[in-house]
Every structure is written in C-alpha cells, then in structure tokens.
C-alpha cells in the first residue's frame, strides 16, 4: 500500500507540472500572436522600392543578351608548339633520364 501512496503523490506532481507547462504555452502563443500582427511580420520601417514591370523586363532582356554574348564566343584554339621548341624539350627530357640512369648505375 505504501507504493500506491507514493505513486499517487507522483501523479499529482505530474498533473501540476502539466498545468504549469500548458499555462506557459498559452503565454507563448499569445506573444507570438501579438508579434505576428505587428507590421504584418515586416521588420524594416522603410517602404519597399517597387520596380515597374517594364523596367524589370528591360533588365531581364539586357541580362539575357549579356549571357548570350558570353556563351556565343568560340573556345580559344589550342596553342601549338613549334618543332624546334618540341625538340629542345625532348632533348632536355632525354638528358634528365640519362642523368637518372647514370646515378642508378653507380
């Protein structure tokens, strides 16, 4: 019977805590409701700067023209190396390999 008495006290504590939480929630809901009605949720005080549909259209067309201009450029042609430059690079690479092989034999 002692367990039931302790359990009843625990249940009554939980009920009182539930009512306290519900009261707090009501206060939070009321505060949110008031804040939501203030200035329709807009935080700034200056009026918004509107733009006419014609101005937006002009801006849009200008941007589309800029994109078309950049996309229409053909890619730059690949740079080619002269035959003499290729021979010099090949000779330098052969010299590097020869030096490496000579060091490996020692």
PDB file of N, CA and C in Angstrom:
ATOM      1  N   UNK A   1       0.812  -1.185   0.000  1.00  0.00           N
ATOM      2  CA  UNK A   1       0.000   0.000   0.000  1.00  0.00           C
ATOM      3  C   UNK A   1       0.863   1.258   0.000  1.00  0.00           C
ATOM      4  N   UNK A   2       2.071   1.131   0.531  1.00  0.00           N
ATOM      5  CA  UNK A   2       2.964   2.279   0.596  1.00  0.00           C
ATOM      6  C   UNK A   2       3.362   2.729  -0.812  1.00  0.00           C
ATOM      7  N   UNK A   3       3.494   1.759  -1.728  1.00  0.00           N
ATOM      8  CA  UNK A   3       3.860   2.107  -3.106  1.00  0.00           C
ATOM      9  C   UNK A   3       2.770   2.923  -3.782  1.00  0.00           C
ATOM     10  N   UNK A   4       1.518   2.587  -3.531  1.00  0.00           N
ATOM     11  CA  UNK A   4       0.408   3.315  -4.148  1.00  0.00           C
ATOM     12  C   UNK A   4       0.337   4.743  -3.625  1.00  0.00           C
ATOM     13  N   UNK A   5       0.658   4.939  -2.360  1.00  0.00           N
ATOM     14  CA  UNK A   5       0.633   6.287  -1.797  1.00  0.00           C
ATOM     15  C   UNK A   5       1.709   7.135  -2.461  1.00  0.00           C
ATOM     16  N   UNK A   6       2.884   6.596  -2.626  1.00  0.00           N
ATOM     17  CA  UNK A   6       3.964   7.317  -3.297  1.00  0.00           C
ATOM     18  C   UNK A   6       3.637   7.600  -4.751  1.00  0.00           C
ATOM     19  N   UNK A   7       2.973   6.636  -5.376  1.00  0.00           N
ATOM     20  CA  UNK A   7       2.604   6.784  -6.775  1.00  0.00           C
ATOM     21  C   UNK A   7       1.555   7.877  -6.942  1.00  0.00           C
ATOM     22  N   UNK A   8       0.637   7.965  -6.020  1.00  0.00           N
ATOM     23  CA  UNK A   8      -0.401   8.992  -6.097  1.00  0.00           C
ATOM     24  C   UNK A   8       0.224  10.377  -5.978  1.00  0.00           C
ATOM     25  N   UNK A   9       1.217  10.520  -5.105  1.00  0.00           N
ATOM     26  CA  UNK A   9       1.895  11.806  -4.971  1.00  0.00           C
ATOM     27  C   UNK A   9       2.646  12.178  -6.246  1.00  0.00           C
ATOM     28  N   UNK A  10       3.258  11.167  -6.838  1.00  0.00           N
ATOM     29  CA  UNK A  10       3.998  11.396  -8.081  1.00  0.00           C
ATOM     30  C   UNK A  10       3.046  11.817  -9.202  1.00  0.00           C
ATOM     31  N   UNK A  11       1.896  11.178  -9.285  1.00  0.00           N
ATOM     32  CA  UNK A  11       0.907  11.507 -10.316  1.00  0.00           C
ATOM     33  C   UNK A  11       0.400  12.930 -10.119  1.00  0.00           C
ATOM     34  N   UNK A  12       0.134  13.314  -8.860  1.00  0.00           N
ATOM     35  CA  UNK A  12      -0.352  14.676  -8.614  1.00  0.00           C
ATOM     36  C   UNK A  12       0.718  15.711  -8.983  1.00  0.00           C
ATOM     37  N   UNK A  13       1.994  15.401  -8.737  1.00  0.00           N
ATOM     38  CA  UNK A  13       3.084  16.302  -9.149  1.00  0.00           C
ATOM     39  C   UNK A  13       3.117  16.458 -10.662  1.00  0.00           C
ATOM     40  N   UNK A  14       2.979  15.334 -11.374  1.00  0.00           N
ATOM     41  CA  UNK A  14       2.980  15.387 -12.842  1.00  0.00           C
ATOM     42  C   UNK A  14       1.817  16.221 -13.366  1.00  0.00           C
ATOM     43  N   UNK A  15       0.644  16.083 -12.741  1.00  0.00           N
ATOM     44  CA  UNK A  15      -0.517  16.870 -13.187  1.00  0.00           C
ATOM     45  C   UNK A  15      -0.282  18.353 -12.974  1.00  0.00           C
ATOM     46  N   UNK A  16       0.289  18.722 -11.843  1.00  0.00           N
ATOM     47  CA  UNK A  16       0.538  20.141 -11.593  1.00  0.00           C
ATOM     48  C   UNK A  16       1.590  20.682 -12.570  1.00  0.00           C
ATOM     49  N   UNK A  17       2.577  19.878 -12.873  1.00  0.00           N
ATOM     50  CA  UNK A  17       3.601  20.294 -13.850  1.00  0.00           C
ATOM     51  C   UNK A  17       2.984  20.471 -15.228  1.00  0.00           C
ATOM     52  N   UNK A  18       2.055  19.581 -15.582  1.00  0.00           N
ATOM     53  CA  UNK A  18       1.385  19.688 -16.871  1.00  0.00           C
ATOM     54  C   UNK A  18       0.586  20.988 -16.956  1.00  0.00           C
ATOM     55  N   UNK A  19      -0.107  21.365 -15.895  1.00  0.00           N
ATOM     56  CA  UNK A  19      -0.870  22.615 -15.935  1.00  0.00           C
ATOM     57  C   UNK A  19       0.065  23.815 -16.042  1.00  0.00           C
ATOM     58  N   UNK A  20       1.231  23.749 -15.360  1.00  0.00           N
ATOM     59  CA  UNK A  20       2.198  24.851 -15.470  1.00  0.00           C
ATOM     60  C   UNK A  20       2.721  24.983 -16.899  1.00  0.00           C
ATOM     61  N   UNK A  21       3.037  23.860 -17.520  1.00  0.00           N
ATOM     62  CA  UNK A  21       3.537  23.878 -18.900  1.00  0.00           C
ATOM     63  C   UNK A  21       2.473  24.403 -19.853  1.00  0.00           C
ATOM     64  N   UNK A  22       1.246  23.995 -19.647  1.00  0.00           N
ATOM     65  CA  UNK A  22       0.152  24.466 -20.518  1.00  0.00           C
ATOM     66  C   UNK A  22      -0.046  25.973 -20.368  1.00  0.00           C
ATOM     67  N   UNK A  23       0.088  26.494 -19.141  1.00  0.00           N
ATOM     68  CA  UNK A  23      -0.022  27.939 -18.936  1.00  0.00           C
ATOM     69  C   UNK A  23       1.099  28.671 -19.667  1.00  0.00           C
ATOM     70  N   UNK A  24       2.310  28.149 -19.580  1.00  0.00           N
ATOM     71  CA  UNK A  24       3.442  28.775 -20.270  1.00  0.00           C
ATOM     72  C   UNK A  24       3.226  28.770 -21.784  1.00  0.00           C
ATOM     73  N   UNK A  25       2.701  27.657 -22.292  1.00  0.00           N
ATOM     74  CA  UNK A  25       2.432  27.573 -23.727  1.00  0.00           C
ATOM     75  C   UNK A  25       1.385  28.593 -24.150  1.00  0.00           C
ATOM     76  N   UNK A  26       0.366  28.801 -23.338  1.00  0.00           N
ATOM     77  CA  UNK A  26      -0.648  29.805 -23.661  1.00  0.00           C
ATOM     78  C   UNK A  26      -0.014  31.191 -23.729  1.00  0.00           C
ATOM     79  N   UNK A  27       0.894  31.483 -22.803  1.00  0.00           N
ATOM     80  CA  UNK A  27       1.566  32.783 -22.824  1.00  0.00           C
ATOM     81  C   UNK A  27       2.432  32.930 -24.077  1.00  0.00           C
ATOM     82  N   UNK A  28       3.139  31.880 -24.446  1.00  0.00           N
ATOM     83  CA  UNK A  28       3.979  31.922 -25.650  1.00  0.00           C
ATOM     84  C   UNK A  28       3.115  32.104 -26.893  1.00  0.00           C
ATOM     85  N   UNK A  29       1.988  31.378 -26.963  1.00  0.00           N
ATOM     86  CA  UNK A  29       1.092  31.522 -28.113  1.00  0.00           C
ATOM     87  C   UNK A  29       0.546  32.944 -28.212  1.00  0.00           C
ATOM     88  N   UNK A  30       0.204  33.526 -27.071  1.00  0.00           N
ATOM     89  CA  UNK A  30      -0.323  34.890 -27.081  1.00  0.00           C
ATOM     90  C   UNK A  30       0.755  35.866 -27.558  1.00  0.00           C
ATOM     91  N   UNK A  31       1.988  35.692 -27.094  1.00  0.00           N
ATOM     92  CA  UNK A  31       3.072  36.577 -27.511  1.00  0.00           C
ATOM     93  C   UNK A  31       3.325  36.444 -29.009  1.00  0.00           C
ATOM     94  N   UNK A  32       3.318  35.211 -29.515  1.00  0.00           N
ATOM     95  CA  UNK A  32       3.523  35.006 -30.951  1.00  0.00           C
ATOM     96  C   UNK A  32       2.399  35.633 -31.759  1.00  0.00           C
ATOM     97  N   UNK A  33       1.200  35.538 -31.264  1.00  0.00           N
ATOM     98  CA  UNK A  33       0.069  36.122 -31.963  1.00  0.00           C
ATOM     99  C   UNK A  33       0.206  37.636 -32.058  1.00  0.00           C
ATOM    100  N   UNK A  34       0.608  38.260 -30.950  1.00  0.00           N
ATOM    101  CA  UNK A  34       0.779  39.718 -30.948  1.00  0.00           C
ATOM    102  C   UNK A  34       1.915  40.118 -31.881  1.00  0.00           C
ATOM    103  N   UNK A  35       3.036  39.393 -31.817  1.00  0.00           N
ATOM    104  CA  UNK A  35       4.175  39.736 -32.673  1.00  0.00           C
ATOM    105  C   UNK A  35       3.851  39.522 -34.142  1.00  0.00           C
ATOM    106  N   UNK A  36       3.050  38.515 -34.442  1.00  0.00           N
ATOM    107  CA  UNK A  36       2.694  38.249 -35.829  1.00  0.00           C
ATOM    108  C   UNK A  36       1.826  39.341 -36.412  1.00  0.00           C
ATOM    109  N   UNK A  37       1.015  39.989 -35.572  1.00  0.00           N
ATOM    110  CA  UNK A  37       0.121  41.050 -36.058  1.00  0.00           C
ATOM    111  C   UNK A  37       0.845  42.378 -36.219  1.00  0.00           C
ATOM    112  N   UNK A  38       1.984  42.537 -35.556  1.00  0.00           N
ATOM    113  CA  UNK A  38       2.726  43.792 -35.659  1.00  0.00           C
ATOM    114  C   UNK A  38       3.316  43.937 -37.049  1.00  0.00           C
ATOM    115  N   UNK A  39       2.908  44.964 -37.760  1.00  0.00           N
ATOM    116  CA  UNK A  39       3.508  45.314 -39.046  1.00  0.00           C
ATOM    117  C   UNK A  39       3.520  44.146 -40.021  1.00  0.00           C
ATOM    118  N   UNK A  40       2.612  43.230 -39.856  1.00  0.00           N
ATOM    119  CA  UNK A  40       2.451  42.062 -40.738  1.00  0.00           C
ATOM    120  C   UNK A  40       3.736  41.275 -40.910  1.00  0.00           C
ATOM    121  N   UNK A  41       4.563  41.206 -39.885  1.00  0.00           N
ATOM    122  CA  UNK A  41       5.777  40.416 -39.929  1.00  0.00           C
ATOM    123  C   UNK A  41       6.934  41.099 -40.619  1.00  0.00           C
ATOM    124  N   UNK A  42       6.760  42.345 -41.079  1.00  0.00           N
ATOM    125  CA  UNK A  42       7.830  43.061 -41.762  1.00  0.00           C
ATOM    126  C   UNK A  42       8.692  43.737 -40.706  1.00  0.00           C
ATOM    127  N   UNK A  43       9.984  43.517 -40.740  1.00  0.00           N
ATOM    128  CA  UNK A  43      10.852  44.034 -39.695  1.00  0.00           C
ATOM    129  C   UNK A  43      11.444  45.403 -40.020  1.00  0.00           C
ATOM    130  N   UNK A  44      11.467  45.804 -41.277  1.00  0.00           N
ATOM    131  CA  UNK A  44      12.071  47.086 -41.607  1.00  0.00           C
ATOM    132  C   UNK A  44      11.006  48.178 -41.605  1.00  0.00           C
ATOM    133  N   UNK A  45      11.423  49.418 -41.475  1.00  0.00           N
ATOM    134  CA  UNK A  45      10.469  50.522 -41.369  1.00  0.00           C
ATOM    135  C   UNK A  45      10.335  51.306 -42.665  1.00  0.00           C
ATOM    136  N   UNK A  46      11.321  51.197 -43.573  1.00  0.00           N
ATOM    137  CA  UNK A  46      11.251  51.926 -44.830  1.00  0.00           C
ATOM    138  C   UNK A  46      10.322  51.191 -45.793  1.00  0.00           C
ATOM    139  N   UNK A  47       9.569  51.936 -46.593  1.00  0.00           N
ATOM    140  CA  UNK A  47       8.710  51.261 -47.567  1.00  0.00           C
ATOM    141  C   UNK A  47       9.550  50.611 -48.652  1.00  0.00           C
ATOM    142  N   UNK A  48       9.058  49.531 -49.199  1.00  0.00           N
ATOM    143  CA  UNK A  48       9.791  48.821 -50.238  1.00  0.00           C
ATOM    144  C   UNK A  48       9.836  49.618 -51.522  1.00  0.00           C
ATOM    145  N   UNK A  49      10.933  49.507 -52.248  1.00  0.00           N
ATOM    146  CA  UNK A  49      11.093  50.205 -53.514  1.00  0.00           C
ATOM    147  C   UNK A  49      10.577  49.299 -54.620  1.00  0.00           C
ATOM    148  N   UNK A  50       9.496  49.692 -55.217  1.00  0.00           N
ATOM    149  CA  UNK A  50       8.921  48.878 -56.276  1.00  0.00           C
ATOM    150  C   UNK A  50       9.546  49.194 -57.618  1.00  0.00           C
ATOM    151  N   UNK A  51       9.465  48.248 -58.531  1.00  0.00           N
ATOM    152  CA  UNK A  51      10.010  48.444 -59.862  1.00  0.00           C
ATOM    153  C   UNK A  51       8.904  48.093 -60.846  1.00  0.00           C
ATOM    154  N   UNK A  52       8.766  48.890 -61.865  1.00  0.00           N
ATOM    155  CA  UNK A  52       7.702  48.635 -62.830  1.00  0.00           C
ATOM    156  C   UNK A  52       8.014  47.368 -63.625  1.00  0.00           C
ATOM    157  N   UNK A  53       6.973  46.817 -64.190  1.00  0.00           N
ATOM    158  CA  UNK A  53       7.138  45.607 -64.988  1.00  0.00           C
ATOM    159  C   UNK A  53       8.009  45.876 -66.210  1.00  0.00           C
ATOM    160  N   UNK A  54       7.879  47.070 -66.777  1.00  0.00           N
ATOM    161  CA  UNK A  54       8.688  47.413 -67.952  1.00  0.00           C
ATOM    162  C   UNK A  54      10.170  47.478 -67.599  1.00  0.00           C
ATOM    163  N   UNK A  55      10.472  48.043 -66.435  1.00  0.00           N
ATOM    164  CA  UNK A  55      11.876  48.134 -66.012  1.00  0.00           C
ATOM    165  C   UNK A  55      12.447  46.752 -65.749  1.00  0.00           C
ATOM    166  N   UNK A  56      11.663  45.892 -65.090  1.00  0.00           N
ATOM    167  CA  UNK A  56      12.126  44.516 -64.847  1.00  0.00           C
ATOM    168  C   UNK A  56      12.369  43.793 -66.159  1.00  0.00           C
ATOM    169  N   UNK A  57      11.493  44.013 -67.135  1.00  0.00           N
ATOM    170  CA  UNK A  57      11.637  43.365 -68.439  1.00  0.00           C
ATOM    171  C   UNK A  57      12.911  43.838 -69.141  1.00  0.00           C
ATOM    172  N   UNK A  58      13.191  45.153 -69.072  1.00  0.00           N
ATOM    173  CA  UNK A  58      14.411  45.694 -69.690  1.00  0.00           C
ATOM    174  C   UNK A  58      15.653  45.073 -69.065  1.00  0.00           C
ATOM    175  N   UNK A  59      15.649  45.002 -67.747  1.00  0.00           N
ATOM    176  CA  UNK A  59      16.796  44.421 -67.044  1.00  0.00           C
ATOM    177  C   UNK A  59      16.962  42.958 -67.433  1.00  0.00           C
ATOM    178  N   UNK A  60      15.851  42.236 -67.489  1.00  0.00           N
ATOM    179  CA  UNK A  60      15.897  40.818 -67.843  1.00  0.00           C
ATOM    180  C   UNK A  60      16.441  40.614 -69.254  1.00  0.00           C
ATOM    181  N   UNK A  61      15.953  41.412 -70.187  1.00  0.00           N
ATOM    182  CA  UNK A  61      16.422  41.273 -71.564  1.00  0.00           C
ATOM    183  C   UNK A  61      17.902  41.629 -71.692  1.00  0.00           C
ATOM    184  N   UNK A  62      18.346  42.648 -70.958  1.00  0.00           N
ATOM    185  CA  UNK A  62      19.757  43.033 -71.003  1.00  0.00           C
ATOM    186  C   UNK A  62      20.635  41.912 -70.450  1.00  0.00           C
ATOM    187  N   UNK A  63      20.191  41.290 -69.358  1.00  0.00           N
ATOM    188  CA  UNK A  63      20.981  40.194 -68.773  1.00  0.00           C
ATOM    189  C   UNK A  63      21.022  39.002 -69.721  1.00  0.00           C
ATOM    190  N   UNK A  64      19.895  38.688 -70.337  1.00  0.00           N
ATOM    191  CA  UNK A  64      19.865  37.574 -71.289  1.00  0.00           C
ATOM    192  C   UNK A  64      20.793  37.845 -72.471  1.00  0.00           C
ATOM    193  N   UNK A  65      20.842  39.099 -72.918  1.00  0.00           N
ATOM    194  CA  UNK A  65      21.744  39.459 -74.021  1.00  0.00           C
ATOM    195  C   UNK A  65      23.200  39.294 -73.602  1.00  0.00           C
ATOM    196  N   UNK A  66      23.527  39.679 -72.345  1.00  0.00           N
ATOM    197  CA  UNK A  66      24.905  39.512 -71.862  1.00  0.00           C
ATOM    198  C   UNK A  66      25.284  38.041 -71.826  1.00  0.00           C
ATOM    199  N   UNK A  67      24.374  37.198 -71.329  1.00  0.00           N
ATOM    200  CA  UNK A  67      24.671  35.762 -71.278  1.00  0.00           C
ATOM    201  C   UNK A  67      24.847  35.187 -72.676  1.00  0.00           C
ATOM    202  N   UNK A  68      23.978  35.588 -73.602  1.00  0.00           N
ATOM    203  CA  UNK A  68      24.089  35.076 -74.968  1.00  0.00           C
ATOM    204  C   UNK A  68      25.426  35.494 -75.585  1.00  0.00           C
ATOM    205  N   UNK A  69      25.845  36.712 -75.285  1.00  0.00           N
ATOM    206  CA  UNK A  69      27.113  37.213 -75.831  1.00  0.00           C
ATOM    207  C   UNK A  69      28.286  36.394 -75.297  1.00  0.00           C
ATOM    208  N   UNK A  70      28.283  36.086 -74.002  1.00  0.00           N
ATOM    209  CA  UNK A  70      29.411  35.335 -73.440  1.00  0.00           C
ATOM    210  C   UNK A  70      29.391  33.884 -73.897  1.00  0.00           C
ATOM    211  N   UNK A  71      28.205  33.327 -74.089  1.00  0.00           N
ATOM    212  CA  UNK A  71      28.134  31.921 -74.493  1.00  0.00           C
ATOM    213  C   UNK A  71      28.407  31.717 -75.973  1.00  0.00           C
ATOM    214  N   UNK A  72      28.268  32.785 -76.769  1.00  0.00           N
ATOM    215  CA  UNK A  72      28.436  32.619 -78.213  1.00  0.00           C
ATOM    216  C   UNK A  72      29.896  32.583 -78.641  1.00  0.00           C
ATOM    217  N   UNK A  73      30.821  33.023 -77.782  1.00  0.00           N
ATOM    218  CA  UNK A  73      32.238  33.020 -78.148  1.00  0.00           C
ATOM    219  C   UNK A  73      32.731  31.596 -78.363  1.00  0.00           C
ATOM    220  N   UNK A  74      33.447  31.404 -79.439  1.00  0.00           N
ATOM    221  CA  UNK A  74      34.040  30.096 -79.704  1.00  0.00           C
ATOM    222  C   UNK A  74      35.212  29.897 -78.747  1.00  0.00           C
ATOM    223  N   UNK A  75      35.478  28.670 -78.372  1.00  0.00           N
ATOM    224  CA  UNK A  75      36.612  28.433 -77.476  1.00  0.00           C
ATOM    225  C   UNK A  75      37.922  28.809 -78.154  1.00  0.00           C
ATOM    226  N   UNK A  76      38.874  29.227 -77.354  1.00  0.00           N
ATOM    227  CA  UNK A  76      40.165  29.621 -77.901  1.00  0.00           C
ATOM    228  C   UNK A  76      40.839  28.413 -78.536  1.00  0.00           C
ATOM    229  N   UNK A  77      41.492  28.612 -79.678  1.00  0.00           N
ATOM    230  CA  UNK A  77      42.163  27.466 -80.307  1.00  0.00           C
ATOM    231  C   UNK A  77      43.346  27.012 -79.445  1.00  0.00           C
ATOM    232  N   UNK A  78      43.643  25.732 -79.520  1.00  0.00           N
ATOM    233  CA  UNK A  78      44.763  25.194 -78.749  1.00  0.00           C
ATOM    234  C   UNK A  78      46.058  25.761 -79.292  1.00  0.00           C
ATOM    235  N   UNK A  79      46.937  26.085 -78.379  1.00  0.00           N
ATOM    236  CA  UNK A  79      48.225  26.627 -78.790  1.00  0.00           C
ATOM    237  C   UNK A  79      49.123  25.484 -79.246  1.00  0.00           C
ATOM    238  N   UNK A  80      49.778  25.721 -80.347  1.00  0.00           N
ATOM    239  CA  UNK A  80      50.689  24.694 -80.851  1.00  0.00           C
ATOM    240  C   UNK A  80      52.122  25.137 -80.593  1.00  0.00           C
ATOM    241  N   UNK A  81      52.973  24.155 -80.457  1.00  0.00           N
ATOM    242  CA  UNK A  81      54.378  24.424 -80.174  1.00  0.00           C
ATOM    243  C   UNK A  81      55.171  24.238 -81.469  1.00  0.00           C
ATOM    244  N   UNK A  82      56.148  25.072 -81.632  1.00  0.00           N
ATOM    245  CA  UNK A  82      56.969  24.945 -82.839  1.00  0.00           C
ATOM    246  C   UNK A  82      57.803  23.664 -82.751  1.00  0.00           C
ATOM    247  N   UNK A  83      58.270  23.197 -83.896  1.00  0.00           N
ATOM    248  CA  UNK A  83      59.049  21.961 -83.953  1.00  0.00           C
ATOM    249  C   UNK A  83      60.367  22.111 -83.196  1.00  0.00           C
ATOM    250  N   UNK A  84      60.970  23.263 -83.287  1.00  0.00           N
ATOM    251  CA  UNK A  84      62.257  23.450 -82.597  1.00  0.00           C
ATOM    252  C   UNK A  84      62.050  23.434 -81.073  1.00  0.00           C
ATOM    253  N   UNK A  85      60.945  24.017 -80.607  1.00  0.00           N
ATOM    254  CA  UNK A  85      60.673  24.008 -79.169  1.00  0.00           C
ATOM    255  C   UNK A  85      60.437  22.578 -78.679  1.00  0.00           C
ATOM    256  N   UNK A  86      59.714  21.794 -79.465  1.00  0.00           N
ATOM    257  CA  UNK A  86      59.466  20.397 -79.085  1.00  0.00           C
ATOM    258  C   UNK A  86      60.776  19.616 -79.019  1.00  0.00           C
ATOM    259  N   UNK A  87      61.683  19.870 -79.995  1.00  0.00           N
ATOM    260  CA  UNK A  87      62.983  19.182 -79.995  1.00  0.00           C
ATOM    261  C   UNK A  87      63.793  19.551 -78.756  1.00  0.00           C
ATOM    262  N   UNK A  88      63.780  20.822 -78.372  1.00  0.00           N
ATOM    263  CA  UNK A  88      64.519  21.259 -77.178  1.00  0.00           C
ATOM    264  C   UNK A  88      63.977  20.579 -75.922  1.00  0.00           C
ATOM    265  N   UNK A  89      62.665  20.525 -75.802  1.00  0.00           N
ATOM    266  CA  UNK A  89      62.057  19.891 -74.621  1.00  0.00           C
ATOM    267  C   UNK A  89      62.393  18.405 -74.595  1.00  0.00           C
ATOM    268  N   UNK A  90      62.309  17.746 -75.762  1.00  0.00           N
ATOM    269  CA  UNK A  90      62.617  16.318 -75.829  1.00  0.00           C
ATOM    270  C   UNK A  90      64.076  16.060 -75.467  1.00  0.00           C
ATOM    271  N   UNK A  91      64.987  16.907 -75.953  1.00  0.00           N
ATOM    272  CA  UNK A  91      66.413  16.736 -75.637  1.00  0.00           C
ATOM    273  C   UNK A  91      66.653  16.924 -74.142  1.00  0.00           C
ATOM    274  N   UNK A  92      65.996  17.904 -73.537  1.00  0.00           N
ATOM    275  CA  UNK A  92      66.165  18.140 -72.105  1.00  0.00           C
ATOM    276  C   UNK A  92      65.638  16.947 -71.301  1.00  0.00           C
ATOM    277  N   UNK A  93      64.531  16.389 -71.740  1.00  0.00           N
ATOM    278  CA  UNK A  93      63.978  15.229 -71.029  1.00  0.00           C
ATOM    279  C   UNK A  93      64.876  14.012 -71.174  1.00  0.00           C
ATOM    280  N   UNK A  94      65.443  13.798 -72.362  1.00  0.00           N
ATOM    281  CA  UNK A  94      66.374  12.690 -72.555  1.00  0.00           C
ATOM    282  C   UNK A  94      67.594  12.858 -71.659  1.00  0.00           C
ATOM    283  N   UNK A  95      68.065  14.094 -71.514  1.00  0.00           N
ATOM    284  CA  UNK A  95      69.220  14.361 -70.650  1.00  0.00           C
ATOM    285  C   UNK A  95      68.878  14.042 -69.195  1.00  0.00           C
ATOM    286  N   UNK A  96      67.658  14.397 -68.757  1.00  0.00           N
ATOM    287  CA  UNK A  96      67.250  14.096 -67.378  1.00  0.00           C
ATOM    288  C   UNK A  96      67.231  12.593 -67.138  1.00  0.00           C
ATOM    289  N   UNK A  97      66.676  11.844 -68.101  1.00  0.00           N
ATOM    290  CA  UNK A  97      66.617  10.390 -67.939  1.00  0.00           C
ATOM    291  C   UNK A  97      68.010   9.775 -67.936  1.00  0.00           C
ATOM    292  N   UNK A  98      68.865  10.291 -68.807  1.00  0.00           N
ATOM    293  CA  UNK A  98      70.246   9.774 -68.860  1.00  0.00           C
ATOM    294  C   UNK A  98      70.944  10.014 -67.534  1.00  0.00           C
ATOM    295  N   UNK A  99      70.752  11.187 -66.960  1.00  0.00           N
ATOM    296  CA  UNK A  99      71.360  11.505 -65.676  1.00  0.00           C
ATOM    297  C   UNK A  99      70.824  10.576 -64.582  1.00  0.00           C
ATOM    298  N   UNK A 100      69.540  10.296 -64.613  1.00  0.00           N
ATOM    299  CA  UNK A 100      68.930   9.419 -63.609  1.00  0.00           C
ATOM    300  C   UNK A 100      69.454   7.989 -63.748  1.00  0.00           C
ATOM    301  N   UNK A 101      69.564   7.524 -64.983  1.00  0.00           N
ATOM    302  CA  UNK A 101      70.093   6.166 -65.212  1.00  0.00           C
ATOM    303  C   UNK A 101      71.540   6.061 -64.783  1.00  0.00           C
ATOM    304  N   UNK A 102      72.347   7.107 -65.038  1.00  0.00           N
ATOM    305  CA  UNK A 102      73.761   7.112 -64.649  1.00  0.00           C
ATOM    306  C   UNK A 102      73.894   7.076 -63.143  1.00  0.00           C
ATOM    307  N   UNK A 103      73.022   7.789 -62.450  1.00  0.00           N
ATOM    308  CA  UNK A 103      73.065   7.783 -60.987  1.00  0.00           C
ATOM    309  C   UNK A 103      72.641   6.430 -60.435  1.00  0.00           C
ATOM    310  N   UNK A 104      71.759   5.772 -61.129  1.00  0.00           N
ATOM    311  CA  UNK A 104      71.265   4.470 -60.680  1.00  0.00           C
ATOM    312  C   UNK A 104      72.342   3.375 -60.840  1.00  0.00           C
ATOM    313  N   UNK A 105      73.208   3.491 -61.880  1.00  0.00           N
ATOM    314  CA  UNK A 105      74.248   2.503 -62.117  1.00  0.00           C
ATOM    315  C   UNK A 105      75.363   2.600 -61.086  1.00  0.00           C
ATOM    316  N   UNK A 106      75.607   3.746 -60.523  1.00  0.00           N
ATOM    317  CA  UNK A 106      76.692   3.947 -59.580  1.00  0.00           C
ATOM    318  C   UNK A 106      76.473   3.238 -58.275  1.00  0.00           C
TER     319      UNK A 106
END
